[in-house]
N, C-alpha and C. Protein backbone atom coordinates (compact mmCIF):
# COMPACT_ATOMS: atom_id res chain seq x y z
N MET A 1 120.83 91.85 83.23
CA MET A 1 120.09 91.06 84.08
C MET A 1 119.06 91.77 84.72
N GLU A 2 117.78 91.32 84.51
CA GLU A 2 116.70 91.97 85.32
C GLU A 2 116.74 91.94 86.77
N SER A 3 116.23 92.73 87.48
CA SER A 3 115.90 92.65 88.90
C SER A 3 114.66 91.73 89.21
N ASN A 4 115.00 91.13 90.28
CA ASN A 4 113.87 90.30 90.83
C ASN A 4 113.77 90.78 92.21
N PHE A 5 112.62 90.41 92.98
CA PHE A 5 112.25 90.41 94.34
C PHE A 5 111.42 89.41 94.82
N LYS A 6 111.63 89.19 96.04
CA LYS A 6 110.81 88.23 96.86
C LYS A 6 110.54 88.90 98.35
N ILE A 7 109.46 88.79 98.70
CA ILE A 7 108.88 89.36 99.97
C ILE A 7 108.41 88.04 100.83
N THR A 8 108.90 87.90 102.05
CA THR A 8 108.54 86.95 102.90
C THR A 8 108.14 87.80 104.36
N LYS A 9 107.32 87.30 105.23
CA LYS A 9 106.84 87.89 106.25
C LYS A 9 107.25 86.96 107.48
N GLN A 10 107.56 87.51 108.52
CA GLN A 10 107.96 87.00 109.82
C GLN A 10 107.53 87.73 111.03
N SER A 11 106.56 87.42 111.50
CA SER A 11 105.80 88.28 112.60
C SER A 11 105.68 89.64 112.06
N ASP A 12 106.12 90.75 112.60
CA ASP A 12 105.78 92.05 112.10
C ASP A 12 107.22 92.46 111.30
N ILE A 13 107.96 91.58 110.57
CA ILE A 13 109.08 91.87 109.77
C ILE A 13 108.74 91.45 108.37
N LEU A 14 109.03 92.32 107.55
CA LEU A 14 109.20 92.01 106.05
C LEU A 14 110.49 91.75 105.63
N LEU A 15 110.82 90.64 104.94
CA LEU A 15 112.18 90.53 104.36
C LEU A 15 112.05 90.44 102.76
N ILE A 16 112.84 91.33 102.26
CA ILE A 16 112.67 91.59 100.85
C ILE A 16 114.11 91.21 100.43
N ALA A 17 114.18 90.12 99.59
CA ALA A 17 115.34 89.67 98.92
C ALA A 17 115.34 90.43 97.55
N LEU A 18 116.31 91.03 97.22
CA LEU A 18 116.64 91.72 96.00
C LEU A 18 117.67 91.02 95.13
N SER A 19 117.58 90.93 93.84
CA SER A 19 118.73 90.42 93.06
C SER A 19 118.79 90.95 91.63
N GLY A 20 119.91 90.73 90.89
CA GLY A 20 120.13 91.31 89.65
C GLY A 20 120.45 92.87 89.72
N LYS A 21 119.97 93.61 88.74
CA LYS A 21 120.38 94.95 88.63
C LYS A 21 119.06 95.93 89.05
N LEU A 22 118.92 96.62 89.99
CA LEU A 22 117.82 97.37 90.22
C LEU A 22 117.90 98.77 89.51
N LEU A 23 117.45 98.92 88.33
CA LEU A 23 117.61 99.96 87.44
C LEU A 23 116.37 100.68 86.82
N ALA A 24 115.47 99.89 86.57
CA ALA A 24 114.28 100.26 85.89
C ALA A 24 113.12 100.87 86.75
N ASP A 25 112.83 102.16 86.49
CA ASP A 25 111.87 102.85 87.52
C ASP A 25 110.58 102.01 87.58
N ASP A 26 110.05 101.15 86.67
CA ASP A 26 108.93 100.42 86.54
C ASP A 26 109.08 99.28 87.49
N LYS A 27 110.25 98.80 87.77
CA LYS A 27 110.39 97.48 88.59
C LYS A 27 110.64 98.16 89.96
N VAL A 28 111.37 99.31 90.27
CA VAL A 28 111.42 99.89 91.42
C VAL A 28 110.11 100.38 91.96
N ASN A 29 109.20 100.81 91.21
CA ASN A 29 107.92 101.33 91.69
C ASN A 29 106.98 100.09 92.01
N GLU A 30 107.16 98.83 91.30
CA GLU A 30 106.42 97.70 91.58
C GLU A 30 106.88 97.20 93.01
N ILE A 31 108.20 97.26 93.32
CA ILE A 31 108.71 96.90 94.64
C ILE A 31 108.11 97.77 95.58
N ALA A 32 108.38 99.11 95.47
CA ALA A 32 107.81 100.12 96.48
C ALA A 32 106.48 100.12 96.67
N VAL A 33 105.38 99.86 95.72
CA VAL A 33 103.97 99.78 95.96
C VAL A 33 103.83 98.56 96.80
N LYS A 34 104.51 97.49 96.51
CA LYS A 34 104.19 96.08 97.30
C LYS A 34 104.72 96.31 98.67
N VAL A 35 105.76 96.89 98.92
CA VAL A 35 106.36 97.04 100.25
C VAL A 35 105.74 98.11 101.00
N LEU A 36 105.37 99.14 100.47
CA LEU A 36 104.65 100.26 101.16
C LEU A 36 103.18 99.70 101.60
N ASN A 37 102.53 98.97 100.61
CA ASN A 37 101.33 98.31 101.14
C ASN A 37 101.32 97.35 102.23
N GLU A 38 102.36 96.54 102.14
CA GLU A 38 102.39 95.68 103.36
C GLU A 38 102.89 96.47 104.69
N LEU A 39 103.34 97.62 104.52
CA LEU A 39 103.82 98.43 105.70
C LEU A 39 102.68 99.09 106.21
N SER A 40 101.53 99.03 105.50
CA SER A 40 100.36 99.83 105.87
C SER A 40 99.39 98.80 106.56
N THR A 41 99.78 97.57 106.72
CA THR A 41 99.14 96.52 107.55
C THR A 41 99.90 96.40 108.71
N LYS A 42 99.96 95.25 109.33
CA LYS A 42 100.64 95.05 110.68
C LYS A 42 102.10 94.88 110.69
N ASN A 43 102.72 95.10 109.52
CA ASN A 43 104.17 94.86 109.46
C ASN A 43 104.78 96.27 109.61
N ARG A 44 105.77 96.44 110.67
CA ARG A 44 106.52 97.55 110.89
C ARG A 44 107.79 97.60 110.59
N HIS A 45 108.59 96.46 110.45
CA HIS A 45 109.99 96.40 110.23
C HIS A 45 110.37 95.91 108.93
N VAL A 46 111.49 96.17 108.28
CA VAL A 46 111.79 95.68 106.99
C VAL A 46 113.42 95.38 107.11
N ILE A 47 113.57 94.16 106.45
CA ILE A 47 115.06 93.79 106.25
C ILE A 47 115.11 93.45 104.72
N PHE A 48 116.18 94.24 104.24
CA PHE A 48 116.63 94.28 102.73
C PHE A 48 117.55 93.00 102.66
N ASP A 49 117.61 92.18 101.97
CA ASP A 49 118.56 91.31 101.50
C ASP A 49 119.25 91.70 100.35
N LEU A 50 120.35 92.26 100.19
CA LEU A 50 120.92 92.79 99.19
C LEU A 50 122.17 91.70 98.64
N SER A 51 122.10 90.49 99.30
CA SER A 51 123.41 89.75 98.96
C SER A 51 123.33 89.39 97.38
N LEU A 52 122.21 89.19 96.69
CA LEU A 52 122.44 88.93 95.24
C LEU A 52 121.93 90.15 94.31
N LEU A 53 122.12 91.29 94.96
CA LEU A 53 121.96 92.50 94.29
C LEU A 53 123.12 92.96 93.59
N GLU A 54 123.46 92.99 92.35
CA GLU A 54 124.66 93.39 91.53
C GLU A 54 124.68 94.97 91.59
N TYR A 55 123.70 95.68 91.38
CA TYR A 55 123.76 97.27 91.02
C TYR A 55 122.55 97.85 91.28
N ILE A 56 122.54 98.96 91.94
CA ILE A 56 121.42 99.86 92.03
C ILE A 56 121.71 101.30 91.58
N ASN A 57 120.77 102.07 91.27
CA ASN A 57 120.83 103.48 90.72
C ASN A 57 120.07 104.29 91.69
N SER A 58 119.82 105.63 91.39
CA SER A 58 119.16 106.47 92.28
C SER A 58 117.65 106.18 92.63
N SER A 59 117.17 105.45 91.63
CA SER A 59 115.71 104.99 91.88
C SER A 59 115.58 104.18 92.82
N GLY A 60 116.55 103.25 93.02
CA GLY A 60 116.63 102.25 94.12
C GLY A 60 116.80 102.78 95.39
N ILE A 61 117.64 103.74 95.55
CA ILE A 61 117.98 104.46 96.70
C ILE A 61 116.80 105.16 97.15
N ASN A 62 116.16 105.97 96.28
CA ASN A 62 114.93 106.72 96.52
C ASN A 62 113.90 105.72 97.16
N MET A 63 113.57 104.56 96.61
CA MET A 63 112.72 103.65 97.17
C MET A 63 113.13 103.15 98.62
N PHE A 64 114.39 102.88 98.83
CA PHE A 64 114.83 102.59 100.15
C PHE A 64 114.41 103.68 101.25
N MET A 65 114.62 104.89 100.65
CA MET A 65 114.20 106.21 101.60
C MET A 65 112.69 106.24 101.74
N LYS A 66 111.90 105.97 100.96
CA LYS A 66 110.42 105.95 100.97
C LYS A 66 110.08 104.80 102.05
N VAL A 67 110.62 103.67 101.97
CA VAL A 67 110.25 102.43 102.86
C VAL A 67 110.85 102.87 104.21
N LEU A 68 111.91 103.54 104.32
CA LEU A 68 112.37 104.07 105.75
C LEU A 68 111.40 104.95 106.48
N THR A 69 110.96 105.72 105.44
CA THR A 69 110.00 106.98 106.10
C THR A 69 108.71 106.14 106.34
N LYS A 70 108.28 105.50 105.61
CA LYS A 70 106.85 104.69 105.90
C LYS A 70 107.18 103.71 107.21
N ALA A 71 108.14 103.13 107.45
CA ALA A 71 108.41 102.07 108.42
C ALA A 71 108.52 103.14 109.68
N ARG A 72 109.18 104.13 109.65
CA ARG A 72 109.36 105.11 110.79
C ARG A 72 108.11 105.76 111.34
N ILE A 73 107.09 106.03 110.26
CA ILE A 73 105.98 106.37 110.52
C ILE A 73 105.01 105.53 111.36
N ASN A 74 105.32 104.30 111.18
CA ASN A 74 104.74 103.23 111.92
C ASN A 74 105.41 102.62 113.01
N THR A 75 106.41 103.48 113.43
CA THR A 75 107.27 103.04 114.51
C THR A 75 108.14 101.87 114.41
N GLY A 76 108.61 101.67 113.09
CA GLY A 76 109.28 100.61 112.68
C GLY A 76 110.66 101.00 112.40
N GLU A 77 111.46 100.08 111.67
CA GLU A 77 112.83 100.65 111.30
C GLU A 77 113.14 99.55 109.97
N VAL A 78 114.17 100.09 109.23
CA VAL A 78 114.69 99.10 108.03
C VAL A 78 116.25 99.01 108.36
N VAL A 79 116.44 97.76 108.03
CA VAL A 79 118.00 97.23 108.01
C VAL A 79 118.21 96.43 106.92
N PHE A 80 119.50 96.33 106.66
CA PHE A 80 120.07 95.74 105.42
C PHE A 80 120.95 94.51 106.02
N PHE A 81 121.16 93.53 104.94
CA PHE A 81 122.42 92.70 105.21
C PHE A 81 122.67 92.18 103.60
N GLY A 82 123.79 91.70 103.65
CA GLY A 82 124.60 91.36 102.33
C GLY A 82 124.78 92.19 101.40
N VAL A 83 125.07 93.52 101.84
CA VAL A 83 125.56 94.61 101.14
C VAL A 83 127.10 94.51 100.78
N LYS A 84 127.33 94.33 99.44
CA LYS A 84 128.68 93.93 99.01
C LYS A 84 128.86 94.52 97.68
N GLY A 85 130.16 94.28 96.95
CA GLY A 85 130.48 94.70 95.80
C GLY A 85 130.16 96.25 95.35
N ASN A 86 129.45 96.45 94.10
CA ASN A 86 129.26 97.88 93.44
C ASN A 86 128.22 98.52 94.42
N VAL A 87 127.20 97.74 95.10
CA VAL A 87 126.21 98.14 95.85
C VAL A 87 126.97 98.75 97.21
N GLU A 88 127.90 98.01 97.88
CA GLU A 88 128.48 98.47 99.12
C GLU A 88 129.36 99.82 98.69
N LYS A 89 129.88 99.96 97.60
CA LYS A 89 130.59 101.12 97.12
C LYS A 89 129.81 102.32 96.97
N LEU A 90 128.54 102.11 96.62
CA LEU A 90 127.59 103.23 96.54
C LEU A 90 126.99 103.58 97.64
N PHE A 91 126.72 102.45 98.50
CA PHE A 91 126.38 103.04 99.86
C PHE A 91 127.47 103.86 100.78
N LYS A 92 128.54 103.61 100.55
CA LYS A 92 129.65 104.31 101.04
C LYS A 92 129.73 105.74 100.59
N ILE A 93 129.84 105.77 99.18
CA ILE A 93 129.69 106.91 98.38
C ILE A 93 128.62 108.02 98.77
N ALA A 94 127.39 107.38 98.81
CA ALA A 94 126.27 108.16 99.03
C ALA A 94 126.02 108.31 100.54
N LYS A 95 126.85 107.64 101.43
CA LYS A 95 126.92 107.74 102.92
C LYS A 95 125.52 107.13 103.47
N LEU A 96 125.00 106.16 102.62
CA LEU A 96 123.83 105.36 103.14
C LEU A 96 124.34 104.50 104.32
N ASN A 97 125.38 104.24 104.35
CA ASN A 97 125.97 103.33 105.69
C ASN A 97 125.87 104.09 106.95
N GLU A 98 125.67 105.38 106.78
CA GLU A 98 125.42 106.25 107.94
C GLU A 98 124.09 106.47 108.25
N ILE A 99 123.01 106.16 107.52
CA ILE A 99 121.77 106.28 107.44
C ILE A 99 121.14 105.11 107.94
N TYR A 100 121.50 103.96 107.48
CA TYR A 100 120.92 102.67 107.60
C TYR A 100 121.84 101.59 108.65
N THR A 101 121.17 100.63 109.09
CA THR A 101 121.98 99.67 109.91
C THR A 101 122.12 98.64 108.88
N ILE A 102 123.55 98.11 108.87
CA ILE A 102 123.83 97.33 107.89
C ILE A 102 124.29 95.91 108.69
N TYR A 103 124.10 94.64 108.41
CA TYR A 103 124.41 93.42 109.20
C TYR A 103 125.17 92.61 108.01
N ASN A 104 125.97 91.67 108.57
CA ASN A 104 126.62 90.74 107.49
C ASN A 104 125.65 89.62 107.25
N SER A 105 124.75 89.26 108.26
CA SER A 105 123.75 88.09 107.86
C SER A 105 122.33 88.33 108.17
N GLU A 106 121.56 87.31 107.70
CA GLU A 106 120.06 87.42 107.94
C GLU A 106 119.68 87.39 109.56
N ILE A 107 120.64 86.38 110.02
CA ILE A 107 120.16 86.18 111.56
C ILE A 107 120.61 87.39 112.42
N GLU A 108 121.75 88.06 111.99
CA GLU A 108 121.99 89.39 112.68
C GLU A 108 120.98 90.56 112.68
N ALA A 109 120.40 90.55 111.24
CA ALA A 109 119.38 91.47 111.07
C ALA A 109 118.10 91.20 111.71
N ILE A 110 117.69 89.87 111.74
CA ILE A 110 116.34 89.57 112.38
C ILE A 110 116.59 89.92 113.80
N ASN A 111 117.75 89.35 114.56
CA ASN A 111 118.10 89.70 115.96
C ASN A 111 117.93 91.09 116.20
N HIS A 112 117.97 92.14 115.37
CA HIS A 112 118.13 93.52 115.46
C HIS A 112 116.87 93.91 116.13
N PHE A 113 115.62 93.16 115.68
CA PHE A 113 114.19 93.34 116.08
C PHE A 113 113.82 92.81 117.24
N LYS A 114 114.67 91.80 117.96
CA LYS A 114 114.32 90.95 119.06
C LYS A 114 114.72 91.69 120.29
């Protein structure tokens, strides 16, 4: 299954919904370019919805780190919700759950920025 993504905006928050398997470098780069361009405007915060993401490799993790760096340069932050299954296992193994704030729901993630 190919990966897909959707970006929506809510005030200064970008909500990025990822689905499928995030493996191909070209798709990861496409997502990174779009998100980093959005962060260059008035958007400072990012919420990643991983509830439909089945798998991610090191390219995807690297993209998350790039987005976090850019958001923090703009005095923003990155949070996640819907981390489960194989993605949750990877987050724990790579200790990403110690770097990122992870919520159970979209409402909790949005409230993080209020």
